[in-house]
Amino acid sequence: MPEQSLTLNATTAKLRLDKFLLAHLPGYSRAQVQRLIRDGHALVDGAPQKTGYKFKGGEVVTLHLPEPRETSIAPEDIPLEIVHEDAHLAVIDKPAGMVVHPGPGHETGTLVNALLGRYPELANMLDDSETQDRLGIVHRLDRGASGLLVVARDKATLLALMGQFQARTVDKVYLALLEKRPKSNAGLIDAPIARDQRQRKRMAVQRGGKSAQTEFEVLDDHFQGERALVRLNLLTGRTHQIRVHMAFIGCPVLGDAVYGFRKQRLRMKRLFLHARELAFEHPVTGERLRFESELPVGLRAVMAKLR
């Protein structure tokens, strides 16, 4: 995504980073500024910081501002696999290849376009600074991944579900086939993630990044080329977390041309990454809901081929 770079000098001590940026970015809402900070687009002396970071005075703030996104998103009649649906939320089984949010090169055919077509009330979120960047999307899946997503149909439900994700009370379990078997049968990867300073479209394990934790368990290692099927439990939800963590331990996800091996040993049109299980509390009823999605036929065929 094209970006505009901007350098600012922070001369006032004890001023919060988000308030500082609000004063220097006319037209940006508080929610948009906080999103810039969370996504690593605002660096203080070259390092990411939290929204509540207080200046000591004399710091240099570097901004990488994404090109503004067109907010007029057209509803489209796109078939969706609905796993659960009620007046407040829906659980979708997203196919690989579908982009979640519209953006440059993907203005149509996205999950958001499909959701606006099915749930017209989501258009109300376009006029609210707290929800206009999400339009009901509580969490994301990479374009090349498939599996379960929960979507909020109103603002109250969206904020409540986002709170559950932040409190880490949501269960998110994935299946992935790795290019190489991890050294242990199970373990915890605890390595902070931030935007890669050399390649802004990528994420990387970096000191000073946001806390990121991924539990893994080897389920099956009877595949060609030392590959292994693993169960992954996300304790946090950073951008590209599974892909970055697996590559960090030398066991990239099969089909990952960005974080995987330079020369792909098996060319795939998608990632071998599937959001298998999702569990959370319904914000209105309080009931604990749990859903499962079967591994797609195409991925099962890949496994059979590699036996």
C-alpha atoms as a PDB file:
ATOM      1  CA  MET A   1       0.000   0.000   0.000  1.00  0.00           C
ATOM      2  CA  PRO A   2       1.432   3.425  -0.938  1.00  0.00           C
ATOM      3  CA  GLU A   3       2.512   5.396   2.116  1.00  0.00           C
ATOM      4  CA  GLN A   4       3.362   8.964   3.007  1.00  0.00           C
ATOM      5  CA  SER A   5       6.258   9.418   5.414  1.00  0.00           C
ATOM      6  CA  LEU A   6       6.283  12.248   7.936  1.00  0.00           C
ATOM      7  CA  THR A   7       8.776  13.175  10.672  1.00  0.00           C
ATOM      8  CA  LEU A   8       7.693  15.164  13.743  1.00  0.00           C
ATOM      9  CA  ASN A   9       9.638  16.441  16.750  1.00  0.00           C
ATOM     10  CA  ALA A  10       8.056  15.960  20.173  1.00  0.00           C
ATOM     11  CA  THR A  11       9.192  18.863  22.360  1.00  0.00           C
ATOM     12  CA  THR A  12       6.532  18.655  25.092  1.00  0.00           C
ATOM     13  CA  ALA A  13       7.163  16.231  27.937  1.00  0.00           C
ATOM     14  CA  LYS A  14       4.417  14.050  29.474  1.00  0.00           C
ATOM     15  CA  LEU A  15       2.136  14.404  26.427  1.00  0.00           C
ATOM     16  CA  ARG A  16       0.553  11.123  25.287  1.00  0.00           C
ATOM     17  CA  LEU A  17       1.523   9.788  21.871  1.00  0.00           C
ATOM     18  CA  ASP A  18      -2.080   9.493  20.648  1.00  0.00           C
ATOM     19  CA  LYS A  19      -2.941  13.073  21.691  1.00  0.00           C
ATOM     20  CA  PHE A  20       0.256  14.346  20.056  1.00  0.00           C
ATOM     21  CA  LEU A  21      -0.681  12.704  16.762  1.00  0.00           C
ATOM     22  CA  LEU A  22      -4.277  13.947  16.946  1.00  0.00           C
ATOM     23  CA  ALA A  23      -2.949  17.498  17.101  1.00  0.00           C
ATOM     24  CA  HIS A  24      -0.723  16.951  14.057  1.00  0.00           C
ATOM     25  CA  LEU A  25      -3.105  14.918  11.885  1.00  0.00           C
ATOM     26  CA  PRO A  26      -6.167  17.002  11.041  1.00  0.00           C
ATOM     27  CA  GLY A  27      -8.990  14.864   9.729  1.00  0.00           C
ATOM     28  CA  TYR A  28      -7.957  11.778  11.720  1.00  0.00           C
ATOM     29  CA  SER A  29     -10.252  10.514  14.492  1.00  0.00           C
ATOM     30  CA  ARG A  30      -8.936   9.252  17.821  1.00  0.00           C
ATOM     31  CA  ALA A  31      -9.747   5.679  16.774  1.00  0.00           C
ATOM     32  CA  GLN A  32      -7.826   6.094  13.497  1.00  0.00           C
ATOM     33  CA  VAL A  33      -4.796   7.528  15.300  1.00  0.00           C
ATOM     34  CA  GLN A  34      -4.790   4.675  17.802  1.00  0.00           C
ATOM     35  CA  ARG A  35      -5.007   2.206  14.935  1.00  0.00           C
ATOM     36  CA  LEU A  36      -1.957   3.813  13.299  1.00  0.00           C
ATOM     37  CA  ILE A  37      -0.035   3.317  16.535  1.00  0.00           C
ATOM     38  CA  ARG A  38      -1.233  -0.258  17.086  1.00  0.00           C
ATOM     39  CA  ASP A  39      -0.331  -1.229  13.508  1.00  0.00           C
ATOM     40  CA  GLY A  40       3.218   0.092  13.874  1.00  0.00           C
ATOM     41  CA  HIS A  41       2.846   3.077  11.531  1.00  0.00           C
ATOM     42  CA  ALA A  42       3.993   5.548  14.222  1.00  0.00           C
ATOM     43  CA  LEU A  43       7.516   5.038  15.588  1.00  0.00           C
ATOM     44  CA  VAL A  44       9.130   6.942  18.450  1.00  0.00           C
ATOM     45  CA  ASP A  45      12.897   7.162  17.971  1.00  0.00           C
ATOM     46  CA  GLY A  46      12.576   4.274  15.533  1.00  0.00           C
ATOM     47  CA  ALA A  47      10.648   1.940  17.842  1.00  0.00           C
ATOM     48  CA  PRO A  48       6.922   1.112  18.182  1.00  0.00           C
ATOM     49  CA  GLN A  49       5.196   2.336  21.342  1.00  0.00           C
ATOM     50  CA  LYS A  50       1.801   2.036  23.006  1.00  0.00           C
ATOM     51  CA  THR A  51      -0.917   4.646  22.481  1.00  0.00           C
ATOM     52  CA  GLY A  52      -0.475   5.897  26.056  1.00  0.00           C
ATOM     53  CA  TYR A  53       3.297   6.410  25.743  1.00  0.00           C
ATOM     54  CA  LYS A  54       4.271   9.709  27.388  1.00  0.00           C
ATOM     55  CA  PHE A  55       7.035  11.804  25.865  1.00  0.00           C
ATOM     56  CA  LYS A  56      10.109  12.777  27.854  1.00  0.00           C
ATOM     57  CA  GLY A  57      10.824  15.584  25.390  1.00  0.00           C
ATOM     58  CA  GLY A  58      13.061  15.647  22.325  1.00  0.00           C
ATOM     59  CA  GLU A  59      11.867  12.390  20.734  1.00  0.00           C
ATOM     60  CA  VAL A  60      11.495  12.046  16.978  1.00  0.00           C
ATOM     61  CA  VAL A  61       8.221  10.566  15.727  1.00  0.00           C
ATOM     62  CA  THR A  62       8.253   8.925  12.309  1.00  0.00           C
ATOM     63  CA  LEU A  63       4.896   8.341  10.624  1.00  0.00           C
ATOM     64  CA  HIS A  64       4.163   6.047   7.709  1.00  0.00           C
ATOM     65  CA  LEU A  65       0.645   7.074   6.696  1.00  0.00           C
ATOM     66  CA  PRO A  66      -1.220   4.571   4.520  1.00  0.00           C
ATOM     67  CA  GLU A  67      -3.007   6.027   1.526  1.00  0.00           C
ATOM     68  CA  PRO A  68      -6.542   6.986   2.621  1.00  0.00           C
ATOM     69  CA  ARG A  69      -9.069   4.293   1.880  1.00  0.00           C
ATOM     70  CA  GLU A  70     -12.272   5.073   0.044  1.00  0.00           C
ATOM     71  CA  THR A  71     -15.101   4.687   2.563  1.00  0.00           C
ATOM     72  CA  SER A  72     -17.907   4.071   0.047  1.00  0.00           C
ATOM     73  CA  ILE A  73     -18.022   0.271   0.008  1.00  0.00           C
ATOM     74  CA  ALA A  74     -20.656  -1.312  -2.189  1.00  0.00           C
ATOM     75  CA  PRO A  75     -22.794  -4.188  -0.910  1.00  0.00           C
ATOM     76  CA  GLU A  76     -22.525  -7.283  -3.105  1.00  0.00           C
ATOM     77  CA  ASP A  77     -24.529 -10.470  -3.421  1.00  0.00           C
ATOM     78  CA  ILE A  78     -21.737 -12.941  -2.699  1.00  0.00           C
ATOM     79  CA  PRO A  79     -22.580 -16.392  -1.279  1.00  0.00           C
ATOM     80  CA  LEU A  80     -21.235 -16.991   2.221  1.00  0.00           C
ATOM     81  CA  GLU A  81     -21.013 -20.158   4.281  1.00  0.00           C
ATOM     82  CA  ILE A  82     -22.883 -19.196   7.461  1.00  0.00           C
ATOM     83  CA  VAL A  83     -22.071 -21.433  10.426  1.00  0.00           C
ATOM     84  CA  HIS A  84     -24.180 -19.455  12.917  1.00  0.00           C
ATOM     85  CA  GLU A  85     -26.444 -16.428  12.634  1.00  0.00           C
ATOM     86  CA  ASP A  86     -28.591 -14.434  15.042  1.00  0.00           C
ATOM     87  CA  ALA A  87     -29.747 -10.821  15.465  1.00  0.00           C
ATOM     88  CA  HIS A  88     -26.409  -9.740  16.963  1.00  0.00           C
ATOM     89  CA  LEU A  89     -23.651 -11.701  15.245  1.00  0.00           C
ATOM     90  CA  ALA A  90     -22.715 -14.273  12.638  1.00  0.00           C
ATOM     91  CA  VAL A  91     -19.961 -16.857  12.325  1.00  0.00           C
ATOM     92  CA  ILE A  92     -18.598 -17.242   8.797  1.00  0.00           C
ATOM     93  CA  ASP A  93     -16.490 -20.034   7.318  1.00  0.00           C
ATOM     94  CA  LYS A  94     -14.256 -17.961   5.010  1.00  0.00           C
ATOM     95  CA  PRO A  95     -12.824 -19.638   1.919  1.00  0.00           C
ATOM     96  CA  ALA A  96      -9.168 -19.191   0.992  1.00  0.00           C
ATOM     97  CA  GLY A  97      -8.683 -16.477  -1.605  1.00  0.00           C
ATOM     98  CA  MET A  98     -11.299 -14.111  -0.186  1.00  0.00           C
ATOM     99  CA  VAL A  99      -9.907 -10.804   1.079  1.00  0.00           C
ATOM    100  CA  VAL A 100     -11.545  -9.599   4.304  1.00  0.00           C
ATOM    101  CA  HIS A 101     -11.350  -5.801   3.857  1.00  0.00           C
ATOM    102  CA  PRO A 102     -11.473  -3.762   0.621  1.00  0.00           C
ATOM    103  CA  GLY A 103      -8.216  -2.048  -0.304  1.00  0.00           C
ATOM    104  CA  PRO A 104      -6.069  -1.094  -3.302  1.00  0.00           C
ATOM    105  CA  GLY A 105      -6.399  -3.892  -5.834  1.00  0.00           C
ATOM    106  CA  HIS A 106      -9.297  -5.439  -3.903  1.00  0.00           C
ATOM    107  CA  GLU A 107     -12.100  -2.887  -3.997  1.00  0.00           C
ATOM    108  CA  THR A 108     -14.793  -5.513  -4.626  1.00  0.00           C
ATOM    109  CA  GLY A 109     -15.449  -9.175  -3.917  1.00  0.00           C
ATOM    110  CA  THR A 110     -14.303  -8.950  -0.301  1.00  0.00           C
ATOM    111  CA  LEU A 111     -15.909 -10.368   2.820  1.00  0.00           C
ATOM    112  CA  VAL A 112     -16.999  -6.842   3.824  1.00  0.00           C
ATOM    113  CA  ASN A 113     -18.767  -6.373   0.470  1.00  0.00           C
ATOM    114  CA  ALA A 114     -20.540  -9.685   1.001  1.00  0.00           C
ATOM    115  CA  LEU A 115     -21.508  -8.828   4.583  1.00  0.00           C
ATOM    116  CA  LEU A 116     -22.973  -5.462   3.560  1.00  0.00           C
ATOM    117  CA  GLY A 117     -25.050  -7.307   0.986  1.00  0.00           C
ATOM    118  CA  ARG A 118     -26.392  -9.750   3.554  1.00  0.00           C
ATOM    119  CA  TYR A 119     -26.617  -7.406   6.552  1.00  0.00           C
ATOM    120  CA  PRO A 120     -27.466  -3.885   5.266  1.00  0.00           C
ATOM    121  CA  GLU A 121     -27.484  -2.508   8.834  1.00  0.00           C
ATOM    122  CA  LEU A 122     -23.694  -2.728   8.856  1.00  0.00           C
ATOM    123  CA  ALA A 123     -23.648   0.390   6.669  1.00  0.00           C
ATOM    124  CA  ASN A 124     -24.523   2.382   9.815  1.00  0.00           C
ATOM    125  CA  MET A 125     -20.996   1.712  11.060  1.00  0.00           C
ATOM    126  CA  LEU A 126     -19.519   3.757   8.195  1.00  0.00           C
ATOM    127  CA  ASP A 127     -20.597   6.969   9.955  1.00  0.00           C
ATOM    128  CA  ASP A 128     -19.073   6.047  13.325  1.00  0.00           C
ATOM    129  CA  SER A 129     -15.350   6.707  13.881  1.00  0.00           C
ATOM    130  CA  GLU A 130     -15.137   3.762  16.307  1.00  0.00           C
ATOM    131  CA  THR A 131     -16.496   1.245  13.814  1.00  0.00           C
ATOM    132  CA  GLN A 132     -15.909   2.613  10.292  1.00  0.00           C
ATOM    133  CA  ASP A 133     -12.575   0.795   9.944  1.00  0.00           C
ATOM    134  CA  ARG A 134     -14.107  -2.545  10.950  1.00  0.00           C
ATOM    135  CA  LEU A 135     -17.683  -2.707   9.631  1.00  0.00           C
ATOM    136  CA  GLY A 136     -18.479  -5.615  11.916  1.00  0.00           C
ATOM    137  CA  ILE A 137     -15.154  -7.428  11.442  1.00  0.00           C
ATOM    138  CA  VAL A 138     -13.957  -8.443  14.908  1.00  0.00           C
ATOM    139  CA  HIS A 139     -10.796 -10.267  13.785  1.00  0.00           C
ATOM    140  CA  ARG A 140      -9.187 -11.145  10.468  1.00  0.00           C
ATOM    141  CA  LEU A 141      -7.904 -14.056   8.443  1.00  0.00           C
ATOM    142  CA  ASP A 142      -5.229 -13.746   5.787  1.00  0.00           C
ATOM    143  CA  ARG A 143      -6.425 -13.908   2.198  1.00  0.00           C
ATOM    144  CA  GLY A 144      -4.709 -17.253   1.651  1.00  0.00           C
ATOM    145  CA  ALA A 145      -6.144 -18.815   4.824  1.00  0.00           C
ATOM    146  CA  SER A 146      -9.572 -20.332   5.390  1.00  0.00           C
ATOM    147  CA  GLY A 147     -11.812 -20.950   8.362  1.00  0.00           C
ATOM    148  CA  LEU A 148     -13.922 -19.388  11.078  1.00  0.00           C
ATOM    149  CA  LEU A 149     -14.559 -15.680  11.653  1.00  0.00           C
ATOM    150  CA  VAL A 150     -17.064 -14.023  13.987  1.00  0.00           C
ATOM    151  CA  VAL A 151     -18.788 -10.880  12.684  1.00  0.00           C
ATOM    152  CA  ALA A 152     -20.774  -8.353  14.745  1.00  0.00           C
ATOM    153  CA  ARG A 153     -24.019  -6.939  13.355  1.00  0.00           C
ATOM    154  CA  ASP A 154     -24.165  -3.898  15.654  1.00  0.00           C
ATOM    155  CA  LYS A 155     -21.750  -1.589  17.464  1.00  0.00           C
ATOM    156  CA  ALA A 156     -22.418  -2.880  20.980  1.00  0.00           C
ATOM    157  CA  THR A 157     -21.738  -6.461  19.924  1.00  0.00           C
ATOM    158  CA  LEU A 158     -18.609  -5.411  18.030  1.00  0.00           C
ATOM    159  CA  LEU A 159     -17.115  -3.602  21.031  1.00  0.00           C
ATOM    160  CA  ALA A 160     -18.034  -6.457  23.386  1.00  0.00           C
ATOM    161  CA  LEU A 161     -16.415  -9.083  21.173  1.00  0.00           C
ATOM    162  CA  MET A 162     -13.337  -6.920  20.665  1.00  0.00           C
ATOM    163  CA  GLY A 163     -13.123  -6.718  24.474  1.00  0.00           C
ATOM    164  CA  GLN A 164     -13.124 -10.511  24.703  1.00  0.00           C
ATOM    165  CA  PHE A 165     -10.286 -10.727  22.195  1.00  0.00           C
ATOM    166  CA  GLN A 166      -8.310  -8.119  24.129  1.00  0.00           C
ATOM    167  CA  ALA A 167      -8.970  -9.995  27.392  1.00  0.00           C
ATOM    168  CA  ARG A 168      -7.787 -13.222  25.684  1.00  0.00           C
ATOM    169  CA  THR A 169     -10.943 -15.150  26.578  1.00  0.00           C
ATOM    170  CA  VAL A 170     -11.578 -16.205  22.966  1.00  0.00           C
ATOM    171  CA  ASP A 171     -10.328 -19.632  21.881  1.00  0.00           C
ATOM    172  CA  LYS A 172      -8.751 -19.594  18.395  1.00  0.00           C
ATOM    173  CA  VAL A 173      -7.323 -22.888  17.145  1.00  0.00           C
ATOM    174  CA  TYR A 174      -5.729 -23.388  13.732  1.00  0.00           C
ATOM    175  CA  LEU A 175      -4.381 -26.297  11.716  1.00  0.00           C
ATOM    176  CA  ALA A 176      -1.273 -25.818   9.592  1.00  0.00           C
ATOM    177  CA  LEU A 177       1.018 -28.046   7.590  1.00  0.00           C
ATOM    178  CA  LEU A 178       4.601 -26.908   8.130  1.00  0.00           C
ATOM    179  CA  GLU A 179       7.502 -27.259   5.718  1.00  0.00           C
ATOM    180  CA  LYS A 180       9.597 -28.694   8.526  1.00  0.00           C
ATOM    181  CA  ARG A 181       8.795 -30.495  11.756  1.00  0.00           C
ATOM    182  CA  PRO A 182       9.401 -28.478  14.960  1.00  0.00           C
ATOM    183  CA  LYS A 183      12.156 -29.853  17.197  1.00  0.00           C
ATOM    184  CA  SER A 184       9.713 -30.629  20.019  1.00  0.00           C
ATOM    185  CA  ASN A 185       6.267 -32.226  19.951  1.00  0.00           C
ATOM    186  CA  ALA A 186       4.705 -29.233  21.676  1.00  0.00           C
ATOM    187  CA  GLY A 187       5.748 -25.822  22.898  1.00  0.00           C
ATOM    188  CA  LEU A 188       5.078 -22.128  23.320  1.00  0.00           C
ATOM    189  CA  ILE A 189       6.572 -19.493  21.034  1.00  0.00           C
ATOM    190  CA  ASP A 190       6.797 -16.229  22.973  1.00  0.00           C
ATOM    191  CA  ALA A 191       8.344 -13.668  20.613  1.00  0.00           C
ATOM    192  CA  PRO A 192       7.245 -10.034  20.100  1.00  0.00           C
ATOM    193  CA  ILE A 193       6.077  -8.973  16.652  1.00  0.00           C
ATOM    194  CA  ALA A 194       6.305  -5.572  14.940  1.00  0.00           C
ATOM    195  CA  ARG A 195       6.230  -4.242  11.404  1.00  0.00           C
ATOM    196  CA  ASP A 196       9.428  -5.042   9.497  1.00  0.00           C
ATOM    197  CA  GLN A 197      11.319  -1.749   9.163  1.00  0.00           C
ATOM    198  CA  ARG A 198      12.966  -2.807   5.905  1.00  0.00           C
ATOM    199  CA  GLN A 199       9.842  -4.215   4.247  1.00  0.00           C
ATOM    200  CA  ARG A 200       6.793  -2.334   5.515  1.00  0.00           C
ATOM    201  CA  LYS A 201       4.258  -4.847   4.181  1.00  0.00           C
ATOM    202  CA  ARG A 202       5.770  -7.614   6.302  1.00  0.00           C
ATOM    203  CA  MET A 203       5.800  -8.299  10.018  1.00  0.00           C
ATOM    204  CA  ALA A 204       8.787  -9.665  11.933  1.00  0.00           C
ATOM    205  CA  VAL A 205       9.925 -10.829  15.359  1.00  0.00           C
ATOM    206  CA  GLN A 206      11.529  -7.733  16.859  1.00  0.00           C
ATOM    207  CA  ARG A 207      12.663  -6.560  20.249  1.00  0.00           C
ATOM    208  CA  GLY A 208      10.236  -3.893  21.420  1.00  0.00           C
ATOM    209  CA  GLY A 209       7.361  -5.302  19.339  1.00  0.00           C
ATOM    210  CA  LYS A 210       3.960  -6.290  20.663  1.00  0.00           C
ATOM    211  CA  SER A 211       3.733  -9.374  22.842  1.00  0.00           C
ATOM    212  CA  ALA A 212       2.863 -12.439  20.757  1.00  0.00           C
ATOM    213  CA  GLN A 213       2.353 -16.004  21.980  1.00  0.00           C
ATOM    214  CA  THR A 214       1.542 -19.115  19.979  1.00  0.00           C
ATOM    215  CA  GLU A 215       1.145 -22.631  21.378  1.00  0.00           C
ATOM    216  CA  PHE A 216       1.822 -25.515  18.995  1.00  0.00           C
ATOM    217  CA  GLU A 217       1.355 -29.285  19.079  1.00  0.00           C
ATOM    218  CA  VAL A 218       2.491 -31.747  16.420  1.00  0.00           C
ATOM    219  CA  LEU A 219      -0.436 -33.927  15.369  1.00  0.00           C
ATOM    220  CA  ASP A 220       1.068 -35.868  12.466  1.00  0.00           C
ATOM    221  CA  ASP A 221       4.574 -36.016  10.989  1.00  0.00           C
ATOM    222  CA  HIS A 222       4.158 -38.829   8.467  1.00  0.00           C
ATOM    223  CA  PHE A 223       4.707 -36.638   5.418  1.00  0.00           C
ATOM    224  CA  GLN A 224       7.379 -36.276   2.756  1.00  0.00           C
ATOM    225  CA  GLY A 225      10.232 -33.848   3.353  1.00  0.00           C
ATOM    226  CA  GLU A 226      10.018 -33.785   7.180  1.00  0.00           C
ATOM    227  CA  ARG A 227       6.745 -31.850   7.031  1.00  0.00           C
ATOM    228  CA  ALA A 228       4.321 -31.880   9.963  1.00  0.00           C
ATOM    229  CA  LEU A 229       0.670 -31.098  10.664  1.00  0.00           C
ATOM    230  CA  VAL A 230       0.354 -28.957  13.785  1.00  0.00           C
ATOM    231  CA  ARG A 231      -2.415 -27.627  15.975  1.00  0.00           C
ATOM    232  CA  LEU A 232      -1.904 -23.966  16.853  1.00  0.00           C
ATOM    233  CA  ASN A 233      -3.534 -22.087  19.712  1.00  0.00           C
ATOM    234  CA  LEU A 234      -3.284 -18.304  19.467  1.00  0.00           C
ATOM    235  CA  LEU A 235      -2.922 -16.639  22.865  1.00  0.00           C
ATOM    236  CA  THR A 236      -2.599 -13.231  21.167  1.00  0.00           C
ATOM    237  CA  GLY A 237      -3.767 -11.948  17.796  1.00  0.00           C
ATOM    238  CA  ARG A 238      -1.009 -10.110  15.967  1.00  0.00           C
ATOM    239  CA  THR A 239      -0.952  -9.554  12.217  1.00  0.00           C
ATOM    240  CA  HIS A 240       0.421 -12.666  10.438  1.00  0.00           C
ATOM    241  CA  GLN A 241       1.277 -14.093  13.883  1.00  0.00           C
ATOM    242  CA  ILE A 242       1.249 -17.790  12.985  1.00  0.00           C
ATOM    243  CA  ARG A 243       3.185 -17.266   9.767  1.00  0.00           C
ATOM    244  CA  VAL A 244       5.813 -15.072  11.454  1.00  0.00           C
ATOM    245  CA  HIS A 245       6.244 -17.376  14.461  1.00  0.00           C
ATOM    246  CA  MET A 246       6.486 -20.547  12.380  1.00  0.00           C
ATOM    247  CA  ALA A 247       9.078 -18.954  10.106  1.00  0.00           C
ATOM    248  CA  PHE A 248      10.929 -17.701  13.201  1.00  0.00           C
ATOM    249  CA  ILE A 249      11.483 -21.279  14.416  1.00  0.00           C
ATOM    250  CA  GLY A 250      12.500 -22.401  10.923  1.00  0.00           C
ATOM    251  CA  CYS A 251       9.243 -24.231  10.156  1.00  0.00           C
ATOM    252  CA  PRO A 252       7.237 -22.002   7.773  1.00  0.00           C
ATOM    253  CA  VAL A 253       3.658 -22.709   6.756  1.00  0.00           C
ATOM    254  CA  LEU A 254       3.329 -24.638   3.503  1.00  0.00           C
ATOM    255  CA  GLY A 255       2.437 -22.291   0.655  1.00  0.00           C
ATOM    256  CA  ASP A 256       3.752 -19.146   2.369  1.00  0.00           C
ATOM    257  CA  ALA A 257       5.670 -17.281  -0.324  1.00  0.00           C
ATOM    258  CA  VAL A 258       6.171 -14.224   1.924  1.00  0.00           C
ATOM    259  CA  TYR A 259       7.610 -15.737   5.107  1.00  0.00           C
ATOM    260  CA  GLY A 260       8.518 -19.191   3.831  1.00  0.00           C
ATOM    261  CA  PHE A 261      11.452 -20.576   1.903  1.00  0.00           C
ATOM    262  CA  ARG A 262      12.606 -18.453  -1.053  1.00  0.00           C
ATOM    263  CA  LYS A 263      12.297 -21.443  -3.313  1.00  0.00           C
ATOM    264  CA  GLN A 264       8.970 -23.114  -2.615  1.00  0.00           C
ATOM    265  CA  ARG A 265       9.312 -26.884  -2.585  1.00  0.00           C
ATOM    266  CA  LEU A 266       5.614 -27.374  -3.323  1.00  0.00           C
ATOM    267  CA  ARG A 267       3.779 -24.593  -5.153  1.00  0.00           C
ATOM    268  CA  MET A 268       0.311 -23.864  -3.790  1.00  0.00           C
ATOM    269  CA  LYS A 269      -2.315 -21.266  -4.619  1.00  0.00           C
ATOM    270  CA  ARG A 270      -3.115 -20.790  -0.926  1.00  0.00           C
ATOM    271  CA  LEU A 271      -1.672 -21.182   2.555  1.00  0.00           C
ATOM    272  CA  PHE A 272      -2.024 -24.495   4.326  1.00  0.00           C
ATOM    273  CA  LEU A 273      -3.569 -22.613   7.249  1.00  0.00           C
ATOM    274  CA  HIS A 274      -7.117 -23.187   8.482  1.00  0.00           C
ATOM    275  CA  ALA A 275      -8.986 -21.618  11.407  1.00  0.00           C
ATOM    276  CA  ARG A 276     -10.440 -24.846  12.765  1.00  0.00           C
ATOM    277  CA  GLU A 277     -12.014 -23.877  16.116  1.00  0.00           C
ATOM    278  CA  LEU A 278     -13.525 -20.701  17.554  1.00  0.00           C
ATOM    279  CA  ALA A 279     -15.157 -20.191  20.958  1.00  0.00           C
ATOM    280  CA  PHE A 280     -16.419 -17.061  22.734  1.00  0.00           C
ATOM    281  CA  GLU A 281     -19.187 -15.785  24.990  1.00  0.00           C
ATOM    282  CA  HIS A 282     -22.273 -14.414  23.296  1.00  0.00           C
ATOM    283  CA  PRO A 283     -22.309 -10.723  24.339  1.00  0.00           C
ATOM    284  CA  VAL A 284     -26.089 -10.716  24.852  1.00  0.00           C
ATOM    285  CA  THR A 285     -27.018 -14.173  26.142  1.00  0.00           C
ATOM    286  CA  GLY A 286     -23.739 -14.902  27.954  1.00  0.00           C
ATOM    287  CA  GLU A 287     -23.732 -18.413  26.477  1.00  0.00           C
ATOM    288  CA  ARG A 288     -20.356 -19.897  25.608  1.00  0.00           C
ATOM    289  CA  LEU A 289     -20.486 -20.679  21.888  1.00  0.00           C
ATOM    290  CA  ARG A 290     -18.073 -23.108  20.257  1.00  0.00           C
ATOM    291  CA  PHE A 291     -17.709 -23.832  16.542  1.00  0.00           C
ATOM    292  CA  GLU A 292     -15.603 -26.159  14.392  1.00  0.00           C
ATOM    293  CA  SER A 293     -14.786 -26.143  10.681  1.00  0.00           C
ATOM    294  CA  GLU A 294     -13.650 -29.210   8.776  1.00  0.00           C
ATOM    295  CA  LEU A 295     -10.367 -29.041   6.899  1.00  0.00           C
ATOM    296  CA  PRO A 296     -11.206 -28.119   3.256  1.00  0.00           C
ATOM    297  CA  VAL A 297     -11.154 -30.897   0.666  1.00  0.00           C
ATOM    298  CA  GLY A 298      -8.247 -29.280  -1.184  1.00  0.00           C
ATOM    299  CA  LEU A 299      -6.021 -29.306   1.891  1.00  0.00           C
ATOM    300  CA  ARG A 300      -6.898 -32.924   2.653  1.00  0.00           C
ATOM    301  CA  ALA A 301      -5.880 -33.769  -0.923  1.00  0.00           C
ATOM    302  CA  VAL A 302      -2.504 -32.056  -0.363  1.00  0.00           C
ATOM    303  CA  MET A 303      -1.951 -34.154   2.757  1.00  0.00           C
ATOM    304  CA  ALA A 304      -2.781 -37.343   0.878  1.00  0.00           C
ATOM    305  CA  LYS A 305      -0.355 -36.373  -1.898  1.00  0.00           C
ATOM    306  CA  LEU A 306       2.473 -35.868   0.613  1.00  0.00           C
ATOM    307  CA  ARG A 307       2.049 -39.178   2.409  1.00  0.00           C
END
